[in-house]
Amino acid sequence: MRRARSTRCCWSREEGTASTFQALGEVIGERGLFCALYTDRGSHYFYTPKAGEKVSKTQQTQVGRALSHLGIEHIAAYSPQARGRSERMFGTLQGRLPKELRLAGIKTVEAANAWLKAHYIAEHNAAFAIKAEQQGTAFVADRHEAWREALCVIEERTVGNDNTIAWSGRRLQLPESRLRPHFVKAVVRVHAYPDGTVSVFLGPHRLTRFSADGQQISPDAPQPGSVLGAVKDKPLRARKRASLTAPARAAAEIARVGAEKRASSRTKKPTRRANQTAISMA
């Protein structure tokens, strides 16, 4: 299906992983998921084992991992001519926008982005967009908003003996949880979002959130990550280390009471079976 050609842009202090996630989030959040993304071979897009050669098909950057998770094909450009249309668009924007921003009295990145959304993009598309030959759209709505937990930097951390993790030069304290008395030695996932905030996950559970300056935002009980397709990114060793807690065992024991008749000669609790029940309920 051939669709209309128009432009969307946002201003960033530098091009990289965070700005790419921000731009992708704006497009997917408004229009939905798409089939493929065609980019240059910048280091934030692809890992290239040897300069000048083809990109790696096995080692992914954070952007590559996110696109793969969302089912979006990532196509690497190997010649300037192959990216002619996008390069010409960049040239147009770089030539027009500085003058437009100067005339509008824009002096900050935040003001520039607000002005782009409120004025420039609609005017630009009205002048240069090409009407689609066919009706309909190639975008697919992301009803579960999986993109929110995919379009971020995801790394693993092992919780220290003081129940903290190291992140961006800080020690982030994990709060009390109904899942476990503590998380010492557990392998957790850290999701760093384009706005600077950070979430810490154990499997599908969000343990807590932190602001860009390391202040805890949500000390609440763990929230089930219902939109977390990213749970499949959890490493096998993390699944093996996630031990069953006393509260979980107690809940399983309560659920089992009355479910079967206990033999009179039986004096020990069936700990192994209780553990299996609790795991299936977690």
Protein backbone atom coordinates (compact mmCIF):
# COMPACT_ATOMS: atom_id res chain seq x y z
CA MET A 1 0.00 0.00 0.00
CA ARG A 2 1.38 3.37 -0.97
CA ARG A 3 0.67 6.06 1.57
CA ALA A 4 0.98 9.80 1.86
CA ARG A 5 4.40 11.32 2.40
CA SER A 6 4.61 13.93 5.11
CA THR A 7 7.08 14.94 7.78
CA ARG A 8 7.26 14.75 11.55
CA CYS A 9 10.19 16.09 13.50
CA CYS A 10 11.34 16.97 16.99
CA TRP A 11 14.33 19.01 18.12
CA SER A 12 17.01 17.34 20.24
CA ARG A 13 20.33 18.50 21.64
CA GLU A 14 22.05 15.51 20.03
CA GLU A 15 21.19 12.55 17.85
CA GLY A 16 21.40 9.24 19.66
CA THR A 17 19.49 6.47 21.40
CA ALA A 18 17.31 8.73 23.57
CA SER A 19 16.29 11.04 20.70
CA THR A 20 15.51 8.02 18.50
CA PHE A 21 13.27 6.52 21.18
CA GLN A 22 11.55 9.88 21.64
CA ALA A 23 10.82 10.22 17.92
CA LEU A 24 9.64 6.60 17.56
CA GLY A 25 7.43 6.99 20.63
CA GLU A 26 5.72 10.05 19.18
CA VAL A 27 4.97 8.29 15.87
CA ILE A 28 3.83 4.96 17.37
CA GLY A 29 1.85 6.61 20.16
CA GLU A 30 -0.11 8.73 17.68
CA ARG A 31 -0.39 6.47 14.62
CA GLY A 32 0.58 2.93 15.63
CA LEU A 33 3.17 0.31 14.72
CA PHE A 34 4.69 0.13 11.24
CA CYS A 35 6.48 -2.51 9.19
CA ALA A 36 10.03 -1.23 8.75
CA LEU A 37 12.43 1.57 9.67
CA TYR A 38 15.12 2.61 7.18
CA THR A 39 18.10 4.36 8.76
CA ASP A 40 21.78 5.05 8.30
CA ARG A 41 24.34 2.87 10.06
CA GLY A 42 25.01 5.18 13.00
CA SER A 43 26.43 3.49 16.10
CA HIS A 44 23.19 4.01 18.01
CA TYR A 45 21.32 2.15 15.25
CA PHE A 46 23.65 -0.74 14.41
CA TYR A 47 26.74 -2.48 15.66
CA THR A 48 29.38 -2.70 12.92
CA PRO A 49 32.18 -5.18 13.79
CA LYS A 50 34.60 -3.63 11.30
CA ALA A 51 34.45 -0.11 9.91
CA GLY A 52 33.19 0.03 6.34
CA GLU A 53 31.75 -3.48 6.40
CA LYS A 54 28.21 -4.75 6.91
CA VAL A 55 26.39 -4.38 10.20
CA SER A 56 26.07 -7.31 12.59
CA LYS A 57 22.92 -9.40 12.31
CA THR A 58 23.37 -10.93 15.77
CA GLN A 59 24.60 -8.11 18.01
CA GLN A 60 21.95 -5.44 18.52
CA THR A 61 22.03 -1.94 19.89
CA GLN A 62 19.32 -0.73 22.27
CA VAL A 63 17.42 0.66 19.26
CA GLY A 64 17.78 -2.60 17.36
CA ARG A 65 16.55 -4.60 20.35
CA ALA A 66 13.50 -2.36 20.77
CA LEU A 67 12.54 -2.53 17.08
CA SER A 68 12.97 -6.30 17.02
CA HIS A 69 10.79 -6.61 20.11
CA LEU A 70 8.02 -4.59 18.45
CA GLY A 71 8.25 -6.63 15.24
CA ILE A 72 9.60 -3.71 13.18
CA GLU A 73 12.17 -4.56 10.52
CA HIS A 74 15.31 -2.43 10.74
CA ILE A 75 16.88 -1.77 7.33
CA ALA A 76 20.44 -0.43 7.09
CA ALA A 77 21.34 1.98 4.29
CA TYR A 78 24.63 1.30 2.51
CA SER A 79 24.84 4.30 0.17
CA PRO A 80 23.93 8.01 0.28
CA GLN A 81 21.98 7.53 -2.95
CA ALA A 82 19.72 4.96 -1.29
CA ARG A 83 18.76 7.57 1.30
CA GLY A 84 18.31 10.39 -1.19
CA ARG A 85 14.74 11.31 -0.29
CA SER A 86 15.40 11.51 3.45
CA GLU A 87 18.68 13.38 2.91
CA ARG A 88 16.93 15.96 0.73
CA MET A 89 14.29 16.38 3.43
CA PHE A 90 17.00 16.91 6.05
CA GLY A 91 18.56 19.54 3.81
CA THR A 92 15.24 21.33 3.43
CA LEU A 93 14.60 21.35 7.18
CA GLN A 94 18.13 22.43 8.05
CA GLY A 95 17.87 25.28 5.58
CA ARG A 96 14.39 26.50 6.58
CA LEU A 97 14.08 25.85 10.30
CA PRO A 98 16.90 28.07 11.67
CA LYS A 99 15.39 31.05 9.85
CA GLU A 100 11.85 30.23 10.97
CA LEU A 101 12.96 29.78 14.59
CA ARG A 102 14.84 33.08 14.52
CA LEU A 103 11.79 34.92 13.17
CA ALA A 104 9.58 33.31 15.84
CA GLY A 105 11.99 34.36 18.61
CA ILE A 106 12.66 30.76 19.69
CA LYS A 107 15.73 30.37 21.91
CA THR A 108 15.30 27.03 23.78
CA VAL A 109 14.89 23.40 22.73
CA GLU A 110 11.64 23.12 24.69
CA ALA A 111 10.16 26.18 23.00
CA ALA A 112 11.32 24.91 19.61
CA ASN A 113 9.54 21.57 20.04
CA ALA A 114 6.34 23.25 21.21
CA TRP A 115 6.45 25.60 18.20
CA LEU A 116 7.10 22.75 15.77
CA LYS A 117 4.02 20.86 16.97
CA ALA A 118 1.76 23.89 17.19
CA HIS A 119 2.72 25.62 13.93
CA TYR A 120 5.46 24.41 11.64
CA ILE A 121 4.69 20.70 11.01
CA ALA A 122 1.10 21.29 9.91
CA GLU A 123 2.12 24.18 7.65
CA HIS A 124 5.00 22.19 6.15
CA ASN A 125 2.81 19.16 5.41
CA ALA A 126 0.09 21.35 3.91
CA ALA A 127 2.65 22.71 1.46
CA PHE A 128 4.70 19.61 0.66
CA ALA A 129 2.82 16.42 1.62
CA ILE A 130 1.82 14.09 -1.21
CA LYS A 131 -1.64 12.54 -1.17
CA ALA A 132 -1.78 8.74 -0.92
CA GLU A 133 -2.79 6.79 -4.01
CA GLN A 134 -4.89 4.39 -1.93
CA GLN A 135 -7.16 4.79 1.05
CA GLY A 136 -6.39 3.25 4.42
CA THR A 137 -3.23 3.07 6.50
CA ALA A 138 -0.31 0.71 6.93
CA PHE A 139 -0.05 1.51 10.66
CA VAL A 140 -1.40 -0.97 13.23
CA ALA A 141 -2.63 0.25 16.62
CA ASP A 142 -0.59 -0.93 19.59
CA ARG A 143 -3.58 -1.51 21.87
CA HIS A 144 -1.50 -2.71 24.81
CA GLU A 145 1.04 0.10 24.40
CA ALA A 146 3.95 -2.32 24.51
CA TRP A 147 6.08 0.41 22.92
CA ARG A 148 6.26 2.28 26.23
CA GLU A 149 8.38 -0.46 27.82
CA ALA A 150 10.26 -1.33 24.63
CA LEU A 151 11.43 2.14 23.55
CA CYS A 152 13.85 2.61 26.42
CA VAL A 153 17.33 1.55 27.44
CA ILE A 154 17.10 -1.85 29.15
CA GLU A 155 19.97 -3.23 31.21
CA GLU A 156 20.37 -5.79 33.98
CA ARG A 157 21.68 -5.12 37.47
CA THR A 158 22.40 -7.42 40.40
CA VAL A 159 21.00 -6.07 43.67
CA GLY A 160 23.68 -5.39 46.29
CA ASN A 161 23.78 -6.49 49.92
CA ASP A 162 22.22 -3.17 50.96
CA ASN A 163 19.21 -3.81 48.65
CA THR A 164 20.36 -1.15 46.17
CA ILE A 165 21.40 -1.14 42.53
CA ALA A 166 24.05 0.92 40.80
CA TRP A 167 22.76 3.20 38.05
CA SER A 168 24.21 6.27 36.37
CA GLY A 169 26.72 6.92 39.17
CA ARG A 170 24.11 6.53 41.94
CA ARG A 171 22.92 3.84 44.32
CA LEU A 172 19.14 3.43 43.97
CA GLN A 173 17.40 2.01 47.05
CA LEU A 174 14.71 -0.58 46.37
CA PRO A 175 11.65 -0.21 48.64
CA GLU A 176 9.94 -2.85 50.78
CA SER A 177 7.88 -5.29 48.75
CA ARG A 178 5.18 -7.90 49.24
CA LEU A 179 7.06 -10.13 46.78
CA ARG A 180 10.15 -10.70 48.91
CA PRO A 181 11.65 -9.42 52.16
CA HIS A 182 14.56 -8.09 50.08
CA PHE A 183 16.09 -8.51 46.62
CA VAL A 184 19.74 -9.05 47.55
CA LYS A 185 21.57 -10.93 44.75
CA ALA A 186 18.47 -10.90 42.53
CA VAL A 187 18.97 -9.92 38.88
CA VAL A 188 16.59 -7.07 38.00
CA ARG A 189 15.92 -5.12 34.81
CA VAL A 190 16.37 -1.36 34.68
CA HIS A 191 14.31 0.55 32.10
CA ALA A 192 15.65 4.05 31.40
CA TYR A 193 13.10 6.13 29.49
CA PRO A 194 13.78 9.04 27.10
CA ASP A 195 12.47 11.55 29.68
CA GLY A 196 15.18 10.51 32.16
CA THR A 197 12.97 8.51 34.54
CA VAL A 198 13.89 4.95 35.50
CA SER A 199 11.86 1.87 36.45
CA VAL A 200 13.13 -1.31 38.10
CA PHE A 201 11.49 -4.63 37.20
CA LEU A 202 11.68 -8.14 38.60
CA GLY A 203 10.12 -10.28 35.90
CA PRO A 204 6.76 -8.66 35.03
CA HIS A 205 6.61 -6.68 38.30
CA ARG A 206 7.58 -3.00 38.46
CA LEU A 207 9.26 -2.68 41.85
CA THR A 208 9.67 1.10 41.84
CA ARG A 209 10.30 4.21 39.74
CA PHE A 210 12.89 6.96 40.04
CA SER A 211 13.09 10.48 38.67
CA ALA A 212 16.03 11.62 36.54
CA ASP A 213 17.83 12.87 39.68
CA GLY A 214 17.46 9.52 41.48
CA GLN A 215 14.49 10.40 43.70
CA GLN A 216 11.96 7.62 44.23
CA ILE A 217 8.66 8.37 42.50
CA SER A 218 6.57 5.36 43.44
CA PRO A 219 7.33 3.42 46.63
CA ASP A 220 4.09 1.45 46.20
CA ALA A 221 3.69 -2.30 46.08
CA PRO A 222 4.86 -3.93 42.84
CA GLN A 223 2.60 -3.30 39.88
CA PRO A 224 1.98 -6.19 37.48
CA GLY A 225 3.45 -5.20 34.14
CA SER A 226 0.39 -6.10 32.08
CA VAL A 227 1.75 -4.30 29.01
CA LEU A 228 5.20 -5.79 29.39
CA GLY A 229 5.92 -7.79 26.33
CA ALA A 230 9.45 -7.02 27.53
CA VAL A 231 9.05 -9.74 30.17
CA LYS A 232 10.32 -12.20 27.57
CA ASP A 233 13.59 -10.26 27.60
CA LYS A 234 14.14 -11.46 31.17
CA PRO A 235 17.25 -13.67 31.29
CA LEU A 236 17.02 -17.33 32.23
CA ARG A 237 19.33 -16.81 35.19
CA ALA A 238 16.91 -14.22 36.60
CA ARG A 239 14.07 -16.72 36.39
CA LYS A 240 16.18 -19.31 38.19
CA ARG A 241 17.18 -16.93 40.99
CA ALA A 242 13.67 -15.65 41.73
CA SER A 243 12.98 -17.62 44.92
CA LEU A 244 9.57 -18.23 46.46
CA THR A 245 8.88 -15.98 49.45
CA ALA A 246 7.27 -16.77 52.78
CA PRO A 247 4.12 -14.66 51.98
CA ALA A 248 3.71 -16.53 48.70
CA ARG A 249 4.04 -19.89 50.45
CA ALA A 250 1.49 -18.82 53.04
CA ALA A 251 -0.97 -17.72 50.36
CA ALA A 252 -0.59 -21.02 48.59
CA GLU A 253 -1.19 -22.95 51.82
CA ILE A 254 -4.42 -21.01 52.48
CA ALA A 255 -5.65 -21.65 48.96
CA ARG A 256 -4.96 -25.39 49.35
CA VAL A 257 -6.84 -25.87 52.63
CA GLY A 258 -9.95 -27.95 52.07
CA ALA A 259 -9.02 -28.84 48.53
CA GLU A 260 -8.12 -32.42 49.39
CA LYS A 261 -8.43 -34.79 52.29
CA ARG A 262 -5.29 -35.17 54.34
CA ALA A 263 -4.28 -38.67 55.36
CA SER A 264 -4.31 -39.18 59.14
CA SER A 265 -0.85 -40.75 59.06
CA ARG A 266 0.60 -37.70 57.38
CA THR A 267 2.47 -35.42 59.76
CA LYS A 268 4.64 -33.29 57.48
CA LYS A 269 3.48 -30.48 55.26
CA PRO A 270 3.81 -31.22 51.53
CA THR A 271 6.28 -28.39 51.02
CA ARG A 272 7.22 -29.42 47.51
CA ARG A 273 3.61 -29.44 46.31
CA ALA A 274 2.84 -26.13 48.05
CA ASN A 275 5.75 -24.54 46.25
CA GLN A 276 4.45 -25.75 42.88
CA THR A 277 1.00 -24.33 43.64
CA ALA A 278 2.42 -20.98 44.68
CA ILE A 279 4.52 -20.67 41.54
CA SER A 280 1.49 -21.21 39.36
CA MET A 281 -0.39 -18.48 41.22
CA ALA A 282 2.39 -15.90 41.20
